[in-house]
Amino acid sequence: RALAAADIKPLPGRFLDFLDPWGNRIEIVGYDNIQFTKAPNILRGMGLAHLSKNANAMKELRDKGMAPK
């Protein structure tokens, strides 16, 4: 709905991708599926303390020695 309200057209395909005004491709993904993390205090400040990573993302982070404590 937010994309439609901003008159942004999703790109064809099975993912939620669109182009920003400069032509960069943006892909919307769930926080639980990505390796990147935010510090707990940052998530709290953003009102997103309820978010967590799924088992696959946590394994990828552990394998790299980057899992949050």
PDB file of N, CA and C in Angstrom:
ATOM      1  N   ARG A   1       0.815  -1.200   0.000  1.00  0.00           N
ATOM      2  CA  ARG A   1       0.000   0.000   0.000  1.00  0.00           C
ATOM      3  C   ARG A   1       0.857   1.261   0.000  1.00  0.00           C
ATOM      4  N   ALA A   2       1.959   1.216   0.762  1.00  0.00           N
ATOM      5  CA  ALA A   2       2.822   2.398   0.828  1.00  0.00           C
ATOM      6  C   ALA A   2       3.427   2.710  -0.539  1.00  0.00           C
ATOM      7  N   LEU A   3       3.812   1.664  -1.274  1.00  0.00           N
ATOM      8  CA  LEU A   3       4.358   1.894  -2.616  1.00  0.00           C
ATOM      9  C   LEU A   3       3.307   2.497  -3.532  1.00  0.00           C
ATOM     10  N   ALA A   4       2.102   1.963  -3.481  1.00  0.00           N
ATOM     11  CA  ALA A   4       1.018   2.488  -4.320  1.00  0.00           C
ATOM     12  C   ALA A   4       0.717   3.938  -3.955  1.00  0.00           C
ATOM     13  N   ALA A   5       0.711   4.248  -2.659  1.00  0.00           N
ATOM     14  CA  ALA A   5       0.436   5.616  -2.218  1.00  0.00           C
ATOM     15  C   ALA A   5       1.505   6.585  -2.721  1.00  0.00           C
ATOM     16  N   ALA A   6       2.727   6.097  -2.873  1.00  0.00           N
ATOM     17  CA  ALA A   6       3.822   6.928  -3.376  1.00  0.00           C
ATOM     18  C   ALA A   6       3.954   6.845  -4.895  1.00  0.00           C
ATOM     19  N   ASP A   7       3.003   6.170  -5.537  1.00  0.00           N
ATOM     20  CA  ASP A   7       2.998   5.982  -6.991  1.00  0.00           C
ATOM     21  C   ASP A   7       4.275   5.288  -7.478  1.00  0.00           C
ATOM     22  N   ILE A   8       4.714   4.278  -6.713  1.00  0.00           N
ATOM     23  CA  ILE A   8       5.885   3.484  -7.075  1.00  0.00           C
ATOM     24  C   ILE A   8       5.405   2.148  -7.603  1.00  0.00           C
ATOM     25  N   LYS A   9       5.885   1.780  -8.768  1.00  0.00           N
ATOM     26  CA  LYS A   9       5.464   0.534  -9.412  1.00  0.00           C
ATOM     27  C   LYS A   9       6.446  -0.587  -9.080  1.00  0.00           C
ATOM     28  N   PRO A  10       5.973  -1.688  -8.484  1.00  0.00           N
ATOM     29  CA  PRO A  10       6.864  -2.833  -8.249  1.00  0.00           C
ATOM     30  C   PRO A  10       7.351  -3.401  -9.581  1.00  0.00           C
ATOM     31  N   LEU A  11       8.565  -3.917  -9.585  1.00  0.00           N
ATOM     32  CA  LEU A  11       9.111  -4.555 -10.781  1.00  0.00           C
ATOM     33  C   LEU A  11       8.522  -5.952 -10.926  1.00  0.00           C
ATOM     34  N   PRO A  12       8.415  -6.450 -12.154  1.00  0.00           N
ATOM     35  CA  PRO A  12       7.899  -7.805 -12.345  1.00  0.00           C
ATOM     36  C   PRO A  12       8.813  -8.830 -11.679  1.00  0.00           C
ATOM     37  N   GLY A  13       8.229  -9.902 -11.221  1.00  0.00           N
ATOM     38  CA  GLY A  13       9.008 -10.968 -10.603  1.00  0.00           C
ATOM     39  C   GLY A  13       8.407 -11.393  -9.282  1.00  0.00           C
ATOM     40  N   ARG A  14       9.050 -12.350  -8.653  1.00  0.00           N
ATOM     41  CA  ARG A  14       8.493 -12.919  -7.426  1.00  0.00           C
ATOM     42  C   ARG A  14       8.899 -12.171  -6.167  1.00  0.00           C
ATOM     43  N   PHE A  15       9.816 -11.204  -6.285  1.00  0.00           N
ATOM     44  CA  PHE A  15      10.261 -10.442  -5.124  1.00  0.00           C
ATOM     45  C   PHE A  15       9.648  -9.053  -5.134  1.00  0.00           C
ATOM     46  N   LEU A  16       9.707  -8.373  -4.008  1.00  0.00           N
ATOM     47  CA  LEU A  16       9.189  -7.011  -3.917  1.00  0.00           C
ATOM     48  C   LEU A  16      10.337  -6.044  -4.193  1.00  0.00           C
ATOM     49  N   ASP A  17      10.558  -5.779  -5.468  1.00  0.00           N
ATOM     50  CA  ASP A  17      11.618  -4.884  -5.924  1.00  0.00           C
ATOM     51  C   ASP A  17      10.987  -3.685  -6.621  1.00  0.00           C
ATOM     52  N   PHE A  18      11.683  -2.559  -6.550  1.00  0.00           N
ATOM     53  CA  PHE A  18      11.259  -1.369  -7.287  1.00  0.00           C
ATOM     54  C   PHE A  18      12.488  -0.509  -7.527  1.00  0.00           C
ATOM     55  N   LEU A  19      12.343   0.488  -8.380  1.00  0.00           N
ATOM     56  CA  LEU A  19      13.438   1.411  -8.672  1.00  0.00           C
ATOM     57  C   LEU A  19      13.216   2.707  -7.914  1.00  0.00           C
ATOM     58  N   ASP A  20      14.289   3.231  -7.308  1.00  0.00           N
ATOM     59  CA  ASP A  20      14.173   4.534  -6.659  1.00  0.00           C
ATOM     60  C   ASP A  20      14.263   5.613  -7.745  1.00  0.00           C
ATOM     61  N   PRO A  21      14.073   6.880  -7.386  1.00  0.00           N
ATOM     62  CA  PRO A  21      14.074   7.942  -8.408  1.00  0.00           C
ATOM     63  C   PRO A  21      15.369   8.044  -9.209  1.00  0.00           C
ATOM     64  N   TRP A  22      16.473   7.494  -8.701  1.00  0.00           N
ATOM     65  CA  TRP A  22      17.759   7.558  -9.389  1.00  0.00           C
ATOM     66  C   TRP A  22      18.051   6.298 -10.185  1.00  0.00           C
ATOM     67  N   GLY A  23      17.112   5.343 -10.192  1.00  0.00           N
ATOM     68  CA  GLY A  23      17.279   4.123 -10.967  1.00  0.00           C
ATOM     69  C   GLY A  23      17.908   2.964 -10.216  1.00  0.00           C
ATOM     70  N   ASN A  24      18.165   3.131  -8.919  1.00  0.00           N
ATOM     71  CA  ASN A  24      18.715   2.035  -8.121  1.00  0.00           C
ATOM     72  C   ASN A  24      17.622   1.024  -7.809  1.00  0.00           C
ATOM     73  N   ARG A  25      17.953  -0.246  -7.945  1.00  0.00           N
ATOM     74  CA  ARG A  25      16.988  -1.307  -7.644  1.00  0.00           C
ATOM     75  C   ARG A  25      16.952  -1.525  -6.132  1.00  0.00           C
ATOM     76  N   ILE A  26      15.769  -1.482  -5.549  1.00  0.00           N
ATOM     77  CA  ILE A  26      15.553  -1.688  -4.120  1.00  0.00           C
ATOM     78  C   ILE A  26      14.779  -2.983  -3.946  1.00  0.00           C
ATOM     79  N   GLU A  27      15.258  -3.855  -3.063  1.00  0.00           N
ATOM     80  CA  GLU A  27      14.549  -5.096  -2.752  1.00  0.00           C
ATOM     81  C   GLU A  27      14.123  -5.055  -1.291  1.00  0.00           C
ATOM     82  N   ILE A  28      12.848  -5.269  -1.053  1.00  0.00           N
ATOM     83  CA  ILE A  28      12.315  -5.309   0.305  1.00  0.00           C
ATOM     84  C   ILE A  28      12.418  -6.741   0.813  1.00  0.00           C
ATOM     85  N   VAL A  29      13.110  -6.917   1.932  1.00  0.00           N
ATOM     86  CA  VAL A  29      13.248  -8.239   2.548  1.00  0.00           C
ATOM     87  C   VAL A  29      12.960  -8.119   4.038  1.00  0.00           C
ATOM     88  N   GLY A  30      12.561  -9.231   4.623  1.00  0.00           N
ATOM     89  CA  GLY A  30      12.324  -9.260   6.060  1.00  0.00           C
ATOM     90  C   GLY A  30      13.631  -9.207   6.832  1.00  0.00           C
ATOM     91  N   TYR A  31      13.625  -8.513   7.955  1.00  0.00           N
ATOM     92  CA  TYR A  31      14.821  -8.381   8.790  1.00  0.00           C
ATOM     93  C   TYR A  31      15.335  -9.739   9.236  1.00  0.00           C
ATOM     94  N   ASP A  32      14.431 -10.691   9.445  1.00  0.00           N
ATOM     95  CA  ASP A  32      14.840 -12.007   9.946  1.00  0.00           C
ATOM     96  C   ASP A  32      15.635 -12.807   8.925  1.00  0.00           C
ATOM     97  N   ASN A  33      15.574 -12.445   7.641  1.00  0.00           N
ATOM     98  CA  ASN A  33      16.236 -13.210   6.582  1.00  0.00           C
ATOM     99  C   ASN A  33      17.608 -12.690   6.184  1.00  0.00           C
ATOM    100  N   ILE A  34      18.038 -11.585   6.742  1.00  0.00           N
ATOM    101  CA  ILE A  34      19.308 -11.005   6.303  1.00  0.00           C
ATOM    102  C   ILE A  34      20.369 -11.134   7.390  1.00  0.00           C
ATOM    103  N   GLN A  35      21.630 -11.111   6.979  1.00  0.00           N
ATOM    104  CA  GLN A  35      22.721 -11.245   7.932  1.00  0.00           C
ATOM    105  C   GLN A  35      22.994  -9.953   8.693  1.00  0.00           C
ATOM    106  N   PHE A  36      22.694  -8.821   8.115  1.00  0.00           N
ATOM    107  CA  PHE A  36      23.005  -7.558   8.780  1.00  0.00           C
ATOM    108  C   PHE A  36      22.199  -7.425  10.062  1.00  0.00           C
ATOM    109  N   THR A  37      22.830  -6.884  11.099  1.00  0.00           N
ATOM    110  CA  THR A  37      22.150  -6.727  12.383  1.00  0.00           C
ATOM    111  C   THR A  37      22.209  -5.275  12.831  1.00  0.00           C
ATOM    112  N   LYS A  38      21.325  -4.946  13.727  1.00  0.00           N
ATOM    113  CA  LYS A  38      21.368  -3.656  14.415  1.00  0.00           C
ATOM    114  C   LYS A  38      21.558  -3.953  15.890  1.00  0.00           C
ATOM    115  N   ALA A  39      22.282  -3.106  16.569  1.00  0.00           N
ATOM    116  CA  ALA A  39      22.477  -3.271  18.008  1.00  0.00           C
ATOM    117  C   ALA A  39      21.117  -3.199  18.705  1.00  0.00           C
ATOM    118  N   PRO A  40      20.945  -3.954  19.791  1.00  0.00           N
ATOM    119  CA  PRO A  40      19.655  -3.963  20.496  1.00  0.00           C
ATOM    120  C   PRO A  40      19.157  -2.567  20.878  1.00  0.00           C
ATOM    121  N   ASN A  41      20.062  -1.674  21.301  1.00  0.00           N
ATOM    122  CA  ASN A  41      19.623  -0.329  21.678  1.00  0.00           C
ATOM    123  C   ASN A  41      19.106   0.451  20.472  1.00  0.00           C
ATOM    124  N   ILE A  42      19.654   0.190  19.296  1.00  0.00           N
ATOM    125  CA  ILE A  42      19.178   0.861  18.079  1.00  0.00           C
ATOM    126  C   ILE A  42      17.791   0.344  17.714  1.00  0.00           C
ATOM    127  N   LEU A  43      17.607  -0.984  17.764  1.00  0.00           N
ATOM    128  CA  LEU A  43      16.287  -1.557  17.479  1.00  0.00           C
ATOM    129  C   LEU A  43      15.245  -1.007  18.448  1.00  0.00           C
ATOM    130  N   ARG A  44      15.603  -0.923  19.735  1.00  0.00           N
ATOM    131  CA  ARG A  44      14.660  -0.367  20.724  1.00  0.00           C
ATOM    132  C   ARG A  44      14.305   1.068  20.372  1.00  0.00           C
ATOM    133  N   GLY A  45      15.309   1.859  20.044  1.00  0.00           N
ATOM    134  CA  GLY A  45      15.079   3.253  19.695  1.00  0.00           C
ATOM    135  C   GLY A  45      14.206   3.426  18.465  1.00  0.00           C
ATOM    136  N   MET A  46      14.246   2.451  17.578  1.00  0.00           N
ATOM    137  CA  MET A  46      13.428   2.487  16.366  1.00  0.00           C
ATOM    138  C   MET A  46      12.049   1.877  16.596  1.00  0.00           C
ATOM    139  N   GLY A  47      11.809   1.372  17.822  1.00  0.00           N
ATOM    140  CA  GLY A  47      10.535   0.712  18.105  1.00  0.00           C
ATOM    141  C   GLY A  47      10.439  -0.661  17.464  1.00  0.00           C
ATOM    142  N   LEU A  48      11.587  -1.302  17.219  1.00  0.00           N
ATOM    143  CA  LEU A  48      11.619  -2.581  16.511  1.00  0.00           C
ATOM    144  C   LEU A  48      12.279  -3.685  17.335  1.00  0.00           C
ATOM    145  N   ALA A  49      12.253  -3.561  18.659  1.00  0.00           N
ATOM    146  CA  ALA A  49      12.919  -4.534  19.529  1.00  0.00           C
ATOM    147  C   ALA A  49      12.350  -5.941  19.377  1.00  0.00           C
ATOM    148  N   HIS A  50      11.156  -6.068  18.826  1.00  0.00           N
ATOM    149  CA  HIS A  50      10.519  -7.378  18.653  1.00  0.00           C
ATOM    150  C   HIS A  50      11.110  -8.173  17.484  1.00  0.00           C
ATOM    151  N   LEU A  51      11.915  -7.552  16.635  1.00  0.00           N
ATOM    152  CA  LEU A  51      12.472  -8.247  15.473  1.00  0.00           C
ATOM    153  C   LEU A  51      13.595  -9.187  15.889  1.00  0.00           C
ATOM    154  N   SER A  52      13.706 -10.296  15.184  1.00  0.00           N
ATOM    155  CA  SER A  52      14.788 -11.249  15.436  1.00  0.00           C
ATOM    156  C   SER A  52      15.201 -11.889  14.114  1.00  0.00           C
ATOM    157  N   LYS A  53      16.277 -12.656  14.153  1.00  0.00           N
ATOM    158  CA  LYS A  53      16.794 -13.348  12.972  1.00  0.00           C
ATOM    159  C   LYS A  53      16.271 -14.778  12.932  1.00  0.00           C
ATOM    160  N   ASN A  54      16.103 -15.329  11.728  1.00  0.00           N
ATOM    161  CA  ASN A  54      15.712 -16.737  11.631  1.00  0.00           C
ATOM    162  C   ASN A  54      16.953 -17.614  11.788  1.00  0.00           C
ATOM    163  N   ALA A  55      16.737 -18.920  11.899  1.00  0.00           N
ATOM    164  CA  ALA A  55      17.830 -19.860  12.166  1.00  0.00           C
ATOM    165  C   ALA A  55      18.901 -19.816  11.082  1.00  0.00           C
ATOM    166  N   ASN A  56      18.505 -19.680   9.822  1.00  0.00           N
ATOM    167  CA  ASN A  56      19.478 -19.656   8.731  1.00  0.00           C
ATOM    168  C   ASN A  56      20.367 -18.417   8.806  1.00  0.00           C
ATOM    169  N   ALA A  57      19.772 -17.260   9.046  1.00  0.00           N
ATOM    170  CA  ALA A  57      20.567 -16.032   9.151  1.00  0.00           C
ATOM    171  C   ALA A  57      21.513 -16.111  10.345  1.00  0.00           C
ATOM    172  N   MET A  58      21.048 -16.651  11.474  1.00  0.00           N
ATOM    173  CA  MET A  58      21.904 -16.789  12.653  1.00  0.00           C
ATOM    174  C   MET A  58      23.067 -17.740  12.378  1.00  0.00           C
ATOM    175  N   LYS A  59      22.805 -18.836  11.653  1.00  0.00           N
ATOM    176  CA  LYS A  59      23.878 -19.779  11.315  1.00  0.00           C
ATOM    177  C   LYS A  59      24.923 -19.092  10.442  1.00  0.00           C
ATOM    178  N   GLU A  60      24.468 -18.332   9.447  1.00  0.00           N
ATOM    179  CA  GLU A  60      25.405 -17.624   8.573  1.00  0.00           C
ATOM    180  C   GLU A  60      26.260 -16.647   9.379  1.00  0.00           C
ATOM    181  N   LEU A  61      25.643 -15.951  10.337  1.00  0.00           N
ATOM    182  CA  LEU A  61      26.395 -15.027  11.180  1.00  0.00           C
ATOM    183  C   LEU A  61      27.384 -15.771  12.079  1.00  0.00           C
ATOM    184  N   ARG A  62      26.947 -16.884  12.681  1.00  0.00           N
ATOM    185  CA  ARG A  62      27.841 -17.686  13.530  1.00  0.00           C
ATOM    186  C   ARG A  62      29.024 -18.216  12.727  1.00  0.00           C
ATOM    187  N   ASP A  63      28.750 -18.699  11.514  1.00  0.00           N
ATOM    188  CA  ASP A  63      29.811 -19.239  10.662  1.00  0.00           C
ATOM    189  C   ASP A  63      30.885 -18.193  10.358  1.00  0.00           C
ATOM    190  N   LYS A  64      30.500 -16.930  10.370  1.00  0.00           N
ATOM    191  CA  LYS A  64      31.442 -15.835  10.110  1.00  0.00           C
ATOM    192  C   LYS A  64      31.984 -15.224  11.398  1.00  0.00           C
ATOM    193  N   GLY A  65      31.561 -15.784  12.545  1.00  0.00           N
ATOM    194  CA  GLY A  65      31.989 -15.224  13.826  1.00  0.00           C
ATOM    195  C   GLY A  65      31.369 -13.879  14.116  1.00  0.00           C
ATOM    196  N   MET A  66      30.183 -13.627  13.562  1.00  0.00           N
ATOM    197  CA  MET A  66      29.541 -12.318  13.684  1.00  0.00           C
ATOM    198  C   MET A  66      28.194 -12.370  14.394  1.00  0.00           C
ATOM    199  N   ALA A  67      27.859 -13.488  15.031  1.00  0.00           N
ATOM    200  CA  ALA A  67      26.548 -13.610  15.666  1.00  0.00           C
ATOM    201  C   ALA A  67      26.448 -12.644  16.839  1.00  0.00           C
ATOM    202  N   PRO A  68      25.281 -12.002  16.996  1.00  0.00           N
ATOM    203  CA  PRO A  68      25.110 -11.114  18.152  1.00  0.00           C
ATOM    204  C   PRO A  68      25.178 -11.912  19.443  1.00  0.00           C
ATOM    205  N   LYS A  69      25.621 -11.273  20.479  1.00  0.00           N
ATOM    206  CA  LYS A  69      25.745 -11.943  21.785  1.00  0.00           C
ATOM    207  C   LYS A  69      24.423 -11.955  22.501  1.00  0.00           C
TER     208      LYS A  69
END
